Amino acid sequence: MPGGSDGGRTASSPSSARPGSPTARPRGTRKARLRLVHLDPWSVMKTSFLLSIAFGIVTVVAVAVVWSVLGAAGVWDSINQTVSDVLGGDSAQNFDVQNYVGTSRVLGFTMIVAVVDVVLITAISTLGAFLYNLAAALLGGVEVTLAEDER
């Protein structure tokens, strides 16, 4: 029946050729040029908040590991011995570097720095999203070319 369900195409026409058949044309890489003209500040704030929390946790854990490695290596005992050798006398025998830069003080300071970093990173990245939106409104945004893999 002419003009049936296949729209009048025959099996040998190039438009209905299968990818493995000899009549199929090789398809080139498809490319799309897109322009990023708007960043949602709320999404940027949520994402940067979560990433800065992760950064703060990594910072605290890294300082704790370094501090414990320094303690296990005997660095604090070596510093105490060096101070007592340099100063001499009774006052040097009572010196302990852990009283000044102990683990609890250093980790407390690191946690304060991590909290401040979370606030600053979140605020700066959100402000950056607002500034990008203003610049994109004037200049047109960032143009990106996306390409499809040839698989």
N, C-alpha and C. Protein backbone atom coordinates (compact mmCIF):
# COMPACT_ATOMS: atom_id res chain seq x y z
N MET A 1 0.85 -1.17 0.00
CA MET A 1 0.00 0.00 0.00
C MET A 1 0.89 1.23 0.00
N PRO A 2 0.80 2.10 -1.00
CA PRO A 2 1.63 3.30 -1.03
C PRO A 2 1.20 4.27 0.06
N GLY A 3 2.21 4.91 0.67
CA GLY A 3 1.93 5.89 1.72
C GLY A 3 1.44 5.23 2.99
N GLY A 4 1.94 4.05 3.30
CA GLY A 4 1.52 3.31 4.49
C GLY A 4 2.10 3.94 5.75
N SER A 5 2.29 3.12 6.77
CA SER A 5 2.72 3.62 8.07
C SER A 5 4.16 4.09 8.09
N ASP A 6 4.94 3.72 7.04
CA ASP A 6 6.33 4.18 7.03
C ASP A 6 6.48 5.51 6.33
N GLY A 7 5.42 6.16 5.97
CA GLY A 7 5.47 7.50 5.39
C GLY A 7 5.95 7.49 3.96
N GLY A 8 5.86 6.34 3.27
CA GLY A 8 6.26 6.29 1.87
C GLY A 8 7.74 6.04 1.70
N ARG A 9 8.48 5.80 2.77
CA ARG A 9 9.91 5.54 2.65
C ARG A 9 10.15 4.07 2.41
N THR A 10 11.11 3.79 1.62
CA THR A 10 11.48 2.40 1.37
C THR A 10 12.66 2.04 2.23
N ALA A 11 12.95 0.76 2.33
CA ALA A 11 14.04 0.29 3.18
C ALA A 11 15.39 0.71 2.66
N SER A 12 15.48 1.10 1.38
CA SER A 12 16.78 1.47 0.83
C SER A 12 17.04 2.97 0.88
N SER A 13 16.11 3.75 1.37
CA SER A 13 16.34 5.20 1.42
C SER A 13 17.32 5.53 2.53
N PRO A 14 18.17 6.56 2.35
CA PRO A 14 19.19 6.90 3.34
C PRO A 14 18.61 7.32 4.69
N SER A 15 17.42 7.87 4.70
CA SER A 15 16.87 8.33 5.97
C SER A 15 16.46 7.18 6.88
N SER A 16 16.21 5.99 6.30
CA SER A 16 15.81 4.86 7.14
C SER A 16 16.94 3.84 7.28
N ALA A 17 18.14 4.17 6.83
CA ALA A 17 19.26 3.23 6.91
C ALA A 17 19.69 3.04 8.35
N ARG A 18 20.04 1.85 8.67
CA ARG A 18 20.49 1.54 10.02
C ARG A 18 21.95 1.96 10.18
N PRO A 19 22.40 2.22 11.43
CA PRO A 19 23.78 2.69 11.63
C PRO A 19 24.84 1.72 11.12
N GLY A 20 24.59 0.44 11.11
CA GLY A 20 25.59 -0.53 10.66
C GLY A 20 25.57 -0.79 9.18
N SER A 21 24.58 -0.29 8.46
CA SER A 21 24.46 -0.57 7.03
C SER A 21 25.42 0.30 6.23
N PRO A 22 25.80 -0.17 5.05
CA PRO A 22 26.77 0.60 4.23
C PRO A 22 26.23 1.92 3.72
N THR A 23 24.91 2.12 3.69
CA THR A 23 24.36 3.37 3.17
C THR A 23 24.26 4.45 4.23
N ALA A 24 24.56 4.11 5.49
CA ALA A 24 24.46 5.11 6.56
C ALA A 24 25.62 6.10 6.47
N ARG A 25 25.29 7.38 6.61
CA ARG A 25 26.33 8.41 6.59
C ARG A 25 26.96 8.51 7.97
N PRO A 26 28.28 8.68 8.05
CA PRO A 26 28.90 8.86 9.37
C PRO A 26 28.46 10.20 9.93
N ARG A 27 28.01 10.16 11.15
CA ARG A 27 27.53 11.38 11.79
C ARG A 27 28.69 12.06 12.48
N GLY A 28 28.87 13.33 12.27
CA GLY A 28 29.93 14.09 12.92
C GLY A 28 29.58 14.37 14.37
N THR A 29 30.52 14.94 15.07
CA THR A 29 30.30 15.29 16.46
C THR A 29 29.32 16.45 16.54
N ARG A 30 28.28 16.27 17.34
CA ARG A 30 27.31 17.36 17.51
C ARG A 30 27.86 18.33 18.54
N LYS A 31 27.73 19.59 18.24
CA LYS A 31 28.20 20.63 19.14
C LYS A 31 27.06 21.61 19.42
N ALA A 32 27.06 22.13 20.61
CA ALA A 32 26.07 23.13 20.98
C ALA A 32 26.79 24.27 21.69
N ARG A 33 26.53 25.47 21.25
CA ARG A 33 27.12 26.65 21.90
C ARG A 33 26.06 27.24 22.82
N LEU A 34 26.40 27.24 24.11
CA LEU A 34 25.48 27.74 25.12
C LEU A 34 26.12 28.90 25.86
N ARG A 35 25.27 29.72 26.42
CA ARG A 35 25.76 30.87 27.15
C ARG A 35 25.20 30.83 28.57
N LEU A 36 26.09 30.95 29.55
CA LEU A 36 25.70 30.97 30.95
C LEU A 36 25.43 32.42 31.34
N VAL A 37 24.16 32.75 31.47
CA VAL A 37 23.80 34.15 31.71
C VAL A 37 23.26 34.40 33.10
N HIS A 38 23.01 33.35 33.90
CA HIS A 38 22.46 33.57 35.24
C HIS A 38 22.89 32.45 36.18
N LEU A 39 23.35 32.83 37.34
CA LEU A 39 23.62 31.89 38.44
C LEU A 39 22.62 32.18 39.54
N ASP A 40 21.94 31.16 40.01
CA ASP A 40 20.98 31.35 41.08
C ASP A 40 21.74 31.54 42.39
N PRO A 41 21.67 32.71 42.99
CA PRO A 41 22.44 32.97 44.22
C PRO A 41 22.08 32.01 45.36
N TRP A 42 20.83 31.60 45.44
CA TRP A 42 20.43 30.67 46.50
C TRP A 42 21.13 29.32 46.32
N SER A 43 21.19 28.82 45.10
CA SER A 43 21.88 27.56 44.83
C SER A 43 23.37 27.67 45.09
N VAL A 44 23.95 28.80 44.70
CA VAL A 44 25.37 29.03 44.96
C VAL A 44 25.64 29.07 46.46
N MET A 45 24.75 29.72 47.21
CA MET A 45 24.94 29.81 48.64
C MET A 45 24.86 28.43 49.30
N LYS A 46 23.87 27.63 48.92
CA LYS A 46 23.74 26.30 49.51
C LYS A 46 24.94 25.42 49.18
N THR A 47 25.37 25.45 47.94
CA THR A 47 26.50 24.62 47.52
C THR A 47 27.79 25.07 48.19
N SER A 48 28.03 26.36 48.23
CA SER A 48 29.26 26.85 48.85
C SER A 48 29.25 26.62 50.36
N PHE A 49 28.08 26.67 50.98
CA PHE A 49 27.98 26.38 52.41
C PHE A 49 28.38 24.94 52.69
N LEU A 50 27.85 24.01 51.91
CA LEU A 50 28.19 22.60 52.12
C LEU A 50 29.67 22.33 51.84
N LEU A 51 30.20 22.93 50.78
CA LEU A 51 31.61 22.72 50.47
C LEU A 51 32.52 23.36 51.52
N SER A 52 32.12 24.50 52.06
CA SER A 52 32.95 25.13 53.09
C SER A 52 32.87 24.37 54.41
N ILE A 53 31.73 23.74 54.70
CA ILE A 53 31.64 22.87 55.88
C ILE A 53 32.61 21.71 55.72
N ALA A 54 32.62 21.11 54.54
CA ALA A 54 33.55 19.99 54.28
C ALA A 54 35.00 20.47 54.41
N PHE A 55 35.29 21.66 53.90
CA PHE A 55 36.64 22.21 54.01
C PHE A 55 37.02 22.45 55.46
N GLY A 56 36.08 22.93 56.27
CA GLY A 56 36.34 23.15 57.70
C GLY A 56 36.61 21.85 58.43
N ILE A 57 35.85 20.81 58.12
CA ILE A 57 36.08 19.51 58.75
C ILE A 57 37.44 18.96 58.37
N VAL A 58 37.79 19.08 57.10
CA VAL A 58 39.10 18.61 56.64
C VAL A 58 40.22 19.38 57.34
N THR A 59 40.05 20.66 57.53
CA THR A 59 41.05 21.48 58.20
C THR A 59 41.26 21.04 59.64
N VAL A 60 40.17 20.84 60.37
CA VAL A 60 40.28 20.43 61.78
C VAL A 60 40.93 19.05 61.89
N VAL A 61 40.52 18.12 61.04
CA VAL A 61 41.10 16.77 61.08
C VAL A 61 42.58 16.82 60.71
N ALA A 62 42.94 17.61 59.71
CA ALA A 62 44.35 17.70 59.31
C ALA A 62 45.21 18.27 60.43
N VAL A 63 44.75 19.30 61.10
CA VAL A 63 45.51 19.88 62.21
C VAL A 63 45.64 18.88 63.35
N ALA A 64 44.57 18.15 63.64
CA ALA A 64 44.63 17.15 64.71
C ALA A 64 45.63 16.05 64.37
N VAL A 65 45.65 15.62 63.12
CA VAL A 65 46.60 14.57 62.71
C VAL A 65 48.03 15.08 62.79
N VAL A 66 48.27 16.28 62.27
CA VAL A 66 49.63 16.84 62.31
C VAL A 66 50.08 17.01 63.76
N TRP A 67 49.18 17.49 64.61
CA TRP A 67 49.54 17.72 66.01
C TRP A 67 49.86 16.41 66.72
N SER A 68 49.10 15.37 66.44
CA SER A 68 49.37 14.08 67.07
C SER A 68 50.64 13.45 66.53
N VAL A 69 50.93 13.64 65.26
CA VAL A 69 52.19 13.13 64.69
C VAL A 69 53.38 13.85 65.30
N LEU A 70 53.28 15.16 65.50
CA LEU A 70 54.36 15.90 66.15
C LEU A 70 54.58 15.42 67.58
N GLY A 71 53.48 15.13 68.27
CA GLY A 71 53.61 14.62 69.64
C GLY A 71 54.23 13.23 69.66
N ALA A 72 53.82 12.36 68.74
CA ALA A 72 54.36 11.01 68.69
C ALA A 72 55.83 11.00 68.26
N ALA A 73 56.24 11.99 67.51
CA ALA A 73 57.63 12.07 67.06
C ALA A 73 58.55 12.64 68.13
N GLY A 74 57.97 13.14 69.21
CA GLY A 74 58.77 13.67 70.30
C GLY A 74 59.24 15.10 70.12
N VAL A 75 58.56 15.83 69.27
CA VAL A 75 58.95 17.21 68.99
C VAL A 75 58.78 18.07 70.25
N TRP A 76 57.70 17.88 70.99
CA TRP A 76 57.45 18.71 72.17
C TRP A 76 58.49 18.44 73.26
N ASP A 77 58.87 17.18 73.43
CA ASP A 77 59.93 16.86 74.41
C ASP A 77 61.26 17.46 73.98
N SER A 78 61.51 17.45 72.68
CA SER A 78 62.75 18.03 72.16
C SER A 78 62.78 19.54 72.38
N ILE A 79 61.66 20.19 72.17
CA ILE A 79 61.59 21.64 72.40
C ILE A 79 61.79 21.94 73.88
N ASN A 80 61.15 21.16 74.74
CA ASN A 80 61.32 21.36 76.19
C ASN A 80 62.78 21.19 76.60
N GLN A 81 63.44 20.19 76.06
CA GLN A 81 64.85 19.94 76.38
C GLN A 81 65.74 21.07 75.87
N THR A 82 65.46 21.56 74.67
CA THR A 82 66.24 22.67 74.10
C THR A 82 66.09 23.93 74.95
N VAL A 83 64.88 24.24 75.38
CA VAL A 83 64.65 25.43 76.21
C VAL A 83 65.37 25.29 77.54
N SER A 84 65.31 24.11 78.15
CA SER A 84 65.99 23.94 79.44
C SER A 84 67.50 24.01 79.28
N ASP A 85 68.04 23.56 78.15
CA ASP A 85 69.48 23.67 77.91
C ASP A 85 69.91 25.12 77.70
N VAL A 86 69.09 25.89 76.98
CA VAL A 86 69.44 27.27 76.68
C VAL A 86 69.31 28.15 77.91
N LEU A 87 68.21 28.01 78.64
CA LEU A 87 67.97 28.87 79.79
C LEU A 87 68.71 28.41 81.04
N GLY A 88 68.74 27.12 81.26
CA GLY A 88 69.37 26.58 82.46
C GLY A 88 68.63 27.02 83.72
N GLY A 89 68.97 26.50 84.84
CA GLY A 89 68.35 26.90 86.11
C GLY A 89 67.02 26.23 86.36
N ASP A 90 66.38 26.63 87.49
CA ASP A 90 65.12 26.02 87.90
C ASP A 90 63.94 26.43 87.01
N SER A 91 63.92 27.65 86.52
CA SER A 91 62.79 28.11 85.72
C SER A 91 62.69 27.32 84.42
N ALA A 92 63.81 26.88 83.90
CA ALA A 92 63.80 26.10 82.67
C ALA A 92 63.29 24.69 82.91
N GLN A 93 63.46 24.16 84.09
CA GLN A 93 63.00 22.81 84.39
C GLN A 93 61.47 22.74 84.44
N ASN A 94 60.82 23.86 84.76
CA ASN A 94 59.37 23.89 84.84
C ASN A 94 58.69 24.25 83.51
N PHE A 95 59.47 24.54 82.49
CA PHE A 95 58.92 24.95 81.19
C PHE A 95 58.33 23.74 80.46
N ASP A 96 57.12 23.93 79.95
CA ASP A 96 56.49 22.90 79.12
C ASP A 96 55.78 23.61 77.97
N VAL A 97 56.23 23.33 76.76
CA VAL A 97 55.67 23.99 75.58
C VAL A 97 54.18 23.66 75.41
N GLN A 98 53.73 22.52 75.92
CA GLN A 98 52.32 22.14 75.81
C GLN A 98 51.41 23.10 76.60
N ASN A 99 51.96 23.81 77.59
CA ASN A 99 51.17 24.80 78.31
C ASN A 99 50.81 25.99 77.44
N TYR A 100 51.61 26.25 76.42
CA TYR A 100 51.40 27.41 75.55
C TYR A 100 50.72 27.04 74.24
N VAL A 101 51.15 25.94 73.66
CA VAL A 101 50.56 25.51 72.39
C VAL A 101 50.08 24.06 72.52
N GLY A 102 49.22 23.83 73.46
CA GLY A 102 48.70 22.49 73.69
C GLY A 102 47.68 22.10 72.64
N THR A 103 47.35 20.83 72.63
CA THR A 103 46.42 20.29 71.64
C THR A 103 45.05 20.96 71.75
N SER A 104 44.56 21.14 72.95
CA SER A 104 43.23 21.74 73.11
C SER A 104 43.19 23.18 72.63
N ARG A 105 44.23 23.93 72.89
CA ARG A 105 44.28 25.33 72.42
C ARG A 105 44.34 25.40 70.90
N VAL A 106 45.20 24.57 70.33
CA VAL A 106 45.37 24.61 68.86
C VAL A 106 44.09 24.15 68.17
N LEU A 107 43.47 23.07 68.64
CA LEU A 107 42.23 22.61 68.02
C LEU A 107 41.09 23.60 68.24
N GLY A 108 41.05 24.25 69.38
CA GLY A 108 40.04 25.29 69.60
C GLY A 108 40.21 26.45 68.65
N PHE A 109 41.44 26.90 68.47
CA PHE A 109 41.73 27.98 67.52
C PHE A 109 41.40 27.54 66.10
N THR A 110 41.72 26.29 65.76
CA THR A 110 41.43 25.78 64.42
C THR A 110 39.93 25.73 64.17
N MET A 111 39.16 25.36 65.18
CA MET A 111 37.69 25.34 65.01
C MET A 111 37.12 26.74 64.82
N ILE A 112 37.68 27.71 65.54
CA ILE A 112 37.23 29.09 65.36
C ILE A 112 37.55 29.57 63.94
N VAL A 113 38.74 29.27 63.47
CA VAL A 113 39.13 29.64 62.10
C VAL A 113 38.23 28.94 61.08
N ALA A 114 37.90 27.66 61.32
CA ALA A 114 37.04 26.92 60.40
C ALA A 114 35.64 27.52 60.34
N VAL A 115 35.09 27.95 61.47
CA VAL A 115 33.77 28.56 61.48
C VAL A 115 33.79 29.90 60.74
N VAL A 116 34.83 30.69 60.97
CA VAL A 116 34.95 31.97 60.27
C VAL A 116 35.10 31.73 58.77
N ASP A 117 35.86 30.70 58.39
CA ASP A 117 36.01 30.37 56.98
C ASP A 117 34.68 29.96 56.35
N VAL A 118 33.87 29.20 57.07
CA VAL A 118 32.57 28.79 56.54
C VAL A 118 31.72 30.03 56.24
N VAL A 119 31.69 30.96 57.17
CA VAL A 119 30.90 32.18 56.97
C VAL A 119 31.45 33.00 55.81
N LEU A 120 32.78 33.19 55.79
CA LEU A 120 33.37 34.02 54.74
C LEU A 120 33.25 33.39 53.35
N ILE A 121 33.53 32.09 53.24
CA ILE A 121 33.44 31.44 51.93
C ILE A 121 32.02 31.48 51.40
N THR A 122 31.05 31.23 52.28
CA THR A 122 29.64 31.27 51.85
C THR A 122 29.24 32.67 51.41
N ALA A 123 29.62 33.67 52.18
CA ALA A 123 29.26 35.05 51.84
C ALA A 123 29.95 35.52 50.56
N ILE A 124 31.22 35.19 50.42
CA ILE A 124 31.97 35.65 49.23
C ILE A 124 31.47 34.98 47.97
N SER A 125 31.17 33.69 48.04
CA SER A 125 30.69 33.02 46.83
C SER A 125 29.28 33.49 46.45
N THR A 126 28.44 33.78 47.43
CA THR A 126 27.11 34.31 47.13
C THR A 126 27.22 35.71 46.52
N LEU A 127 28.09 36.52 47.07
CA LEU A 127 28.34 37.84 46.49
C LEU A 127 28.90 37.71 45.08
N GLY A 128 29.77 36.72 44.87
CA GLY A 128 30.30 36.47 43.53
C GLY A 128 29.21 36.11 42.53
N ALA A 129 28.20 35.35 42.98
CA ALA A 129 27.09 35.00 42.10
C ALA A 129 26.30 36.26 41.71
N PHE A 130 26.05 37.14 42.68
CA PHE A 130 25.36 38.40 42.37
C PHE A 130 26.18 39.24 41.38
N LEU A 131 27.48 39.33 41.62
CA LEU A 131 28.32 40.12 40.72
C LEU A 131 28.40 39.50 39.33
N TYR A 132 28.43 38.18 39.26
CA TYR A 132 28.44 37.53 37.95
C TYR A 132 27.14 37.83 37.21
N ASN A 133 26.01 37.78 37.90
CA ASN A 133 24.73 38.07 37.25
C ASN A 133 24.69 39.50 36.72
N LEU A 134 25.27 40.44 37.48
CA LEU A 134 25.32 41.82 36.99
C LEU A 134 26.21 41.94 35.76
N ALA A 135 27.37 41.30 35.81
CA ALA A 135 28.29 41.36 34.67
C ALA A 135 27.70 40.64 33.46
N ALA A 136 27.02 39.52 33.68
CA ALA A 136 26.42 38.78 32.57
C ALA A 136 25.29 39.57 31.93
N ALA A 137 24.57 40.36 32.72
CA ALA A 137 23.51 41.19 32.16
C ALA A 137 24.10 42.26 31.23
N LEU A 138 25.28 42.76 31.57
CA LEU A 138 25.91 43.79 30.74
C LEU A 138 26.67 43.20 29.55
N LEU A 139 27.38 42.09 29.79
CA LEU A 139 28.30 41.57 28.78
C LEU A 139 27.82 40.32 28.07
N GLY A 140 26.79 39.69 28.57
CA GLY A 140 26.25 38.53 27.87
C GLY A 140 26.60 37.19 28.47
N GLY A 141 27.43 37.13 29.47
CA GLY A 141 27.73 35.86 30.11
C GLY A 141 28.90 35.12 29.48
N VAL A 142 29.14 33.91 29.99
CA VAL A 142 30.23 33.07 29.51
C VAL A 142 29.66 32.12 28.47
N GLU A 143 30.32 32.04 27.33
CA GLU A 143 29.88 31.15 26.26
C GLU A 143 30.65 29.84 26.34
N VAL A 144 29.91 28.73 26.30
CA VAL A 144 30.50 27.39 26.43
C VAL A 144 30.08 26.58 25.22
N THR A 145 31.02 25.82 24.66
CA THR A 145 30.70 24.91 23.57
C THR A 145 30.72 23.50 24.10
N LEU A 146 29.60 22.80 23.99
CA LEU A 146 29.48 21.43 24.44
C LEU A 146 29.51 20.52 23.24
N ALA A 147 30.21 19.39 23.36
CA ALA A 147 30.30 18.44 22.26
C ALA A 147 29.90 17.06 22.75
N GLU A 148 29.26 16.30 21.85
CA GLU A 148 28.83 14.95 22.17
C GLU A 148 29.97 13.98 21.84
N ASP A 149 30.16 12.98 22.69
CA ASP A 149 31.19 11.96 22.44
C ASP A 149 30.81 11.12 21.22
N GLU A 150 31.81 10.63 20.54
CA GLU A 150 31.58 9.76 19.36
C GLU A 150 31.63 8.32 19.78
N ARG A 151 30.59 7.83 20.38
CA ARG A 151 30.56 6.41 20.81
C ARG A 151 29.50 5.67 20.09
